[in-house]
Protein backbone atom coordinates (compact mmCIF):
# COMPACT_ATOMS: atom_id res chain seq x y z
CA MET A 1 -23.63 -11.24 -4.73
CA SER A 2 -21.37 -12.39 -1.86
CA ALA A 3 -19.70 -9.86 0.49
CA SER A 4 -16.23 -10.81 -0.74
CA ARG A 5 -17.15 -10.27 -4.39
CA LEU A 6 -18.77 -6.99 -3.53
CA LEU A 7 -15.65 -5.77 -1.73
CA ILE A 8 -13.50 -6.79 -4.71
CA SER A 9 -15.75 -4.84 -7.08
CA ILE A 10 -15.47 -1.76 -4.87
CA ILE A 11 -11.65 -2.04 -4.87
CA ILE A 12 -11.66 -2.28 -8.66
CA ILE A 13 -13.72 0.90 -8.86
CA VAL A 14 -11.33 2.68 -6.49
CA SER A 15 -8.26 1.53 -8.44
CA ALA A 16 -9.70 2.39 -11.85
CA SER A 17 -10.73 5.95 -11.01
CA SER A 18 -9.55 8.74 -8.78
CA SER A 19 -13.13 9.42 -7.69
CA LEU A 20 -15.41 7.23 -5.56
CA CYS A 21 -18.48 9.17 -6.70
CA MET A 22 -18.24 9.30 -10.49
CA ASP A 23 -21.98 8.96 -11.07
CA GLY A 24 -24.04 9.98 -8.08
CA LYS A 25 -27.15 7.95 -8.89
CA GLN A 26 -25.25 4.86 -9.97
CA MET A 27 -22.91 4.88 -6.99
CA THR A 28 -25.76 5.54 -4.56
CA GLN A 29 -27.61 2.50 -5.88
CA THR A 30 -24.45 0.38 -5.44
CA TYR A 31 -23.96 1.57 -1.87
CA SER A 32 -27.64 0.97 -1.01
CA LYS A 33 -27.08 -2.73 -1.72
CA ILE A 34 -24.54 -2.73 1.08
CA SER A 35 -26.47 -0.69 3.63
CA ALA A 36 -29.36 1.61 2.83
CA GLU A 37 -28.57 4.95 4.51
CA GLY A 38 -26.08 3.13 6.72
CA ASN A 39 -22.36 2.69 7.10
CA ILE A 40 -20.01 1.68 4.31
CA SER A 41 -16.52 0.17 4.60
CA GLN A 42 -14.68 2.08 1.88
CA PRO A 43 -11.11 1.23 0.80
CA VAL A 44 -9.29 3.95 -1.15
CA LEU A 45 -5.76 4.20 -2.54
CA MET A 46 -3.38 6.76 -1.10
CA ASP A 47 -2.61 9.79 -3.31
CA THR A 48 -5.90 9.48 -5.21
CA ASN A 49 -8.87 11.83 -5.20
CA ALA A 50 -11.77 10.51 -3.08
CA VAL A 51 -15.31 11.86 -3.27
CA LEU A 52 -17.76 10.73 -0.57
CA CYS A 53 -21.48 11.07 -1.39
CA CYS A 54 -24.39 12.21 0.72
CA PRO A 55 -27.80 10.52 0.36
CA ARG A 56 -29.54 11.82 -2.76
CA ILE A 57 -32.20 14.17 -1.39
CA GLU A 58 -33.86 16.87 -3.50
CA PHE A 59 -32.35 20.24 -2.66
CA ARG A 60 -35.75 21.89 -2.15
CA ASN A 61 -36.38 19.50 0.75
CA LEU A 62 -33.14 20.24 2.60
CA ILE A 63 -32.76 22.27 5.73
CA VAL A 64 -29.20 21.54 6.87
CA ILE A 65 -26.31 19.47 5.43
CA THR A 66 -23.69 18.32 7.94
CA TRP A 67 -20.48 16.34 7.47
CA GLU A 68 -18.97 14.80 10.60
CA ILE A 69 -15.31 13.77 10.29
CA ILE A 70 -13.68 11.61 12.98
CA ILE A 71 -9.98 10.87 12.50
CA ARG A 72 -7.86 9.19 15.14
CA GLY A 73 -5.68 11.57 17.11
CA GLN A 74 -7.54 14.66 15.92
CA PRO A 75 -10.54 16.58 17.28
CA SER A 76 -13.84 15.84 15.55
CA CYS A 77 -14.36 18.10 12.51
CA THR A 78 -17.79 19.34 11.42
CA LYS A 79 -18.68 21.05 8.12
CA SER A 80 -22.28 22.27 7.81
CA TYR A 81 -24.45 24.23 5.41
CA ARG A 82 -27.75 25.90 6.34
CA LYS A 83 -29.90 26.37 3.25
CA GLU A 84 -32.21 29.08 4.68
CA ARG A 85 -29.27 31.43 5.39
CA ASN A 86 -27.05 30.12 2.58
CA GLU A 87 -24.41 29.81 5.28
CA THR A 88 -21.48 27.44 5.76
CA LYS A 89 -19.73 26.74 9.04
CA GLU A 90 -16.73 24.70 10.12
CA THR A 91 -15.67 23.50 13.56
CA ASN A 92 -12.18 22.07 14.28
CA CYS A 93 -11.47 21.54 10.57
CA THR A 94 -7.78 22.20 9.86
CA ASP A 95 -7.02 19.79 6.99
CA GLU A 96 -7.19 21.80 3.76
CA ARG A 97 -7.27 18.58 1.70
CA ILE A 98 -10.83 17.84 2.95
CA THR A 99 -13.27 20.18 1.24
CA TRP A 100 -16.73 20.39 -0.35
CA VAL A 101 -16.65 19.25 -4.00
CA SER A 102 -18.06 22.69 -4.88
CA THR A 103 -20.39 25.09 -3.07
CA PRO A 104 -22.76 23.12 -0.83
CA ASP A 105 -25.83 24.54 -2.55
CA GLN A 106 -24.58 22.96 -5.80
CA ASN A 107 -23.04 19.72 -4.49
CA SER A 108 -23.22 18.29 -0.97
CA ASP A 109 -20.46 15.68 -1.52
CA LEU A 110 -17.13 15.77 0.31
CA GLN A 111 -13.77 15.65 -1.44
CA ILE A 112 -10.40 14.45 -0.13
CA HIS A 113 -7.58 15.49 -2.44
CA PRO A 114 -5.11 13.95 -2.31
CA VAL A 115 -5.82 11.08 0.07
CA ALA A 116 -3.12 10.67 2.73
CA ILE A 117 -2.49 7.82 5.09
CA THR A 118 -3.72 10.04 7.95
CA HIS A 119 -7.22 10.19 6.44
CA ASP A 120 -8.17 6.77 7.90
CA GLY A 121 -11.36 7.46 9.84
CA TYR A 122 -15.14 7.80 9.90
CA TYR A 123 -17.00 10.28 7.69
CA ARG A 124 -20.78 10.80 7.96
CA CYS A 125 -23.16 12.99 5.98
CA ILE A 126 -26.42 14.01 7.69
CA MET A 127 -29.21 15.54 5.59
CA ALA A 128 -31.87 17.27 7.70
CA THR A 129 -35.32 17.57 6.03
CA PRO A 130 -38.87 18.24 7.20
CA ASP A 131 -39.43 14.46 7.01
CA GLY A 132 -36.47 13.65 9.28
CA ASN A 133 -32.75 13.07 8.98
CA PHE A 134 -31.05 10.90 6.37
CA HIS A 135 -27.43 9.87 6.78
CA ARG A 136 -24.64 7.88 5.14
CA GLY A 137 -21.37 7.00 6.89
CA TYR A 138 -18.02 5.82 5.53
CA HIS A 139 -15.36 3.87 7.39
CA LEU A 140 -12.51 5.02 5.19
CA GLN A 141 -9.54 2.62 4.94
CA VAL A 142 -6.52 4.11 3.16
CA LEU A 143 -4.55 1.48 1.22
CA VAL A 144 -0.80 1.81 0.55
CA THR A 145 0.86 -0.23 -2.18
CA PRO A 146 4.00 -1.91 -0.83
CA GLU A 147 7.36 -1.83 -2.64
CA VAL A 148 8.36 -5.42 -3.51
CA THR A 149 11.96 -6.64 -3.77
CA LEU A 150 13.39 -10.15 -4.35
CA PHE A 151 17.03 -11.20 -4.16
CA GLU A 152 19.20 -14.24 -3.44
CA SER A 153 21.17 -13.85 -0.24
CA ARG A 154 23.45 -16.92 -0.11
CA ASN A 155 23.49 -20.70 -0.58
CA ARG A 156 20.32 -20.96 -2.70
CA THR A 157 18.35 -18.82 -0.25
CA ALA A 158 15.96 -16.14 -1.57
CA VAL A 159 14.48 -13.20 0.30
CA CYS A 160 11.18 -11.56 -0.71
CA LYS A 161 10.33 -8.27 0.98
CA THR A 162 7.29 -5.98 0.80
CA VAL A 163 8.08 -2.55 2.26
CA ALA A 164 5.61 -0.20 3.93
CA GLY A 165 2.31 -1.64 2.72
CA LYS A 166 -1.11 -1.09 4.28
CA PRO A 167 -2.54 -3.50 5.24
CA ALA A 168 0.19 -6.16 5.53
CA ALA A 169 0.85 -8.13 2.33
CA GLN A 170 0.78 -11.89 2.05
CA ILE A 171 3.82 -13.70 0.54
CA SER A 172 3.85 -17.16 -1.01
CA TRP A 173 6.48 -19.11 -3.00
CA ILE A 174 6.42 -21.23 -6.16
CA PRO A 175 7.70 -23.90 -5.71
CA ALA A 176 7.42 -24.16 -1.96
CA GLY A 177 10.75 -24.14 -0.14
CA ASP A 178 12.10 -24.52 3.38
CA CYS A 179 10.92 -21.14 4.70
CA ALA A 180 11.66 -19.38 7.96
CA PRO A 181 8.75 -17.79 9.86
CA THR A 182 7.54 -14.60 8.10
CA GLU A 183 8.86 -11.42 9.69
CA GLN A 184 6.65 -8.35 10.09
CA GLU A 185 7.79 -4.84 11.06
CA TYR A 186 5.11 -2.33 12.01
CA TRP A 187 5.69 1.40 11.44
CA GLY A 188 4.18 4.32 13.30
CA ASN A 189 2.13 5.47 10.30
CA GLY A 190 0.19 2.19 10.13
CA THR A 191 2.18 0.55 7.33
CA VAL A 192 3.81 -2.88 7.62
CA THR A 193 7.00 -4.37 6.12
CA VAL A 194 6.80 -8.12 5.53
CA GLN A 195 9.82 -10.37 4.80
CA SER A 196 9.91 -14.04 3.83
CA THR A 197 13.15 -16.08 3.53
CA CYS A 198 13.21 -19.51 1.87
CA HIS A 199 15.87 -22.11 1.03
CA TRP A 200 15.90 -24.80 -1.67
CA GLU A 201 18.17 -27.87 -1.36
CA GLY A 202 19.78 -29.56 -4.36
CA HIS A 203 19.78 -28.24 -7.90
CA SER A 204 16.43 -29.52 -9.17
CA VAL A 205 14.94 -26.04 -8.58
CA SER A 206 16.59 -23.39 -10.73
CA THR A 207 13.97 -20.60 -10.69
CA VAL A 208 11.69 -19.51 -7.85
CA THR A 209 8.79 -17.07 -7.84
CA CYS A 210 7.67 -14.82 -4.99
CA HIS A 211 3.93 -14.06 -5.20
CA VAL A 212 2.64 -11.07 -3.24
CA SER A 213 -1.09 -10.72 -2.49
CA HIS A 214 -2.38 -7.28 -1.49
CA LEU A 215 -5.64 -5.34 -1.59
CA THR A 216 -4.06 -2.84 -4.01
CA GLY A 217 -3.19 -5.64 -6.47
CA ASN A 218 -1.09 -8.79 -6.74
CA LYS A 219 2.47 -8.97 -7.96
CA SER A 220 4.91 -11.77 -8.82
CA LEU A 221 8.70 -11.62 -9.10
CA TYR A 222 11.06 -14.46 -10.05
CA ILE A 223 14.75 -15.10 -9.65
CA LYS A 224 17.22 -17.75 -10.87
CA LEU A 225 19.14 -19.45 -8.13
CA ILE A 226 22.90 -19.53 -8.62
CA SER A 227 24.41 -23.02 -8.74
CA GLY A 228 27.84 -22.60 -7.22
CA LEU A 229 30.02 -23.89 -4.41
CA ARG A 230 28.00 -24.75 -1.32
CA SER A 231 28.58 -22.87 1.83
CA SER A 232 30.44 -24.76 4.58
CA GLY A 233 27.82 -23.76 7.08
CA SER A 234 30.50 -22.20 9.27
CA PRO A 235 30.80 -18.37 9.06
CA ALA A 236 34.43 -18.50 10.27
CA LEU A 237 35.39 -21.05 7.59
CA ASP A 238 33.52 -19.07 4.94
CA LEU A 239 35.53 -15.98 5.92
CA LEU A 240 38.79 -17.89 5.65
CA ILE A 241 37.86 -19.11 2.16
CA ILE A 242 37.07 -15.53 1.07
CA LEU A 243 40.36 -14.27 2.48
CA TYR A 244 42.27 -17.11 0.80
CA VAL A 245 40.72 -16.24 -2.60
CA LYS A 246 41.50 -12.57 -2.18
CA LEU A 247 45.08 -13.33 -1.10
CA SER A 248 45.56 -15.61 -4.09
CA LEU A 249 44.38 -12.88 -6.47
CA PHE A 250 46.70 -10.40 -4.78
CA VAL A 251 49.71 -12.71 -5.25
CA VAL A 252 48.83 -13.27 -8.93
CA ILE A 253 48.59 -9.52 -9.50
CA LEU A 254 51.88 -8.95 -7.65
CA VAL A 255 53.69 -11.58 -9.79
CA ILE A 256 52.34 -10.07 -13.04
CA THR A 257 53.35 -6.56 -11.93
CA GLY A 258 56.84 -7.74 -10.98
CA PHE A 259 57.25 -9.55 -14.29
CA VAL A 260 56.25 -6.45 -16.27
CA PHE A 261 58.62 -4.30 -14.16
CA PHE A 262 61.65 -6.53 -14.75
CA GLN A 263 60.85 -6.78 -18.46
CA ARG A 264 60.95 -2.98 -18.72
CA ILE A 265 64.30 -2.86 -16.84
CA ASN A 266 65.81 -5.43 -19.23
CA TYR A 267 64.42 -3.46 -22.22
CA VAL A 268 66.10 -0.22 -20.99
CA ARG A 269 69.45 -2.01 -20.56
């Protein structure tokens, strides 16, 4: 299986379930194909429940279980359990959303509930046994689904916008138009807003589709282009045309109001 197909299958698992560790044996076998007792690049959707698994070692062989959590901008957090003393210990762990799934003597896996964008980082489980240490690490990448909007601005020009996605979304058009360079706006929390603006000359194209590609799933929106008066290309002249139309409407309303007023006066007389 190619690396790209394997990554897609992992994303499908993450999207379909709130847990990354539904079946310990099955998931461990899947991970071992990637890197036996090594590091795993793990994408996970924001606001889901993530469960990270330790290597499957028989409990009777364990001495110490340790979770190391390294998140950017925060001190390294360590959660450990010593079997001989039946004792748990935590160092620099302040995030209450990161916990053991249950008591460590029952389940050594780590739970993040719910996953937040700040949980991007490295998580490693170390299992100490008389035969040596076994470990499994996760490079956790939190995915954020962008909000997609599509609208026609003016003169057969459409704007497709993906707001606050992580990572940045990719935008394409069907059919292809005369597009300006894609704009990207990066936010402090790691999300990205992407905007694409395209124009279609003539009237042979009546409907355009904006296709958004993202790790959380693809989305397509379409819009019908309005066939109306073309813009003059001059903002000043466009403004004069708008003012002229508004003034014309005002005069029409004024004439109708005056006519009704004089009709009422004649009726009273």
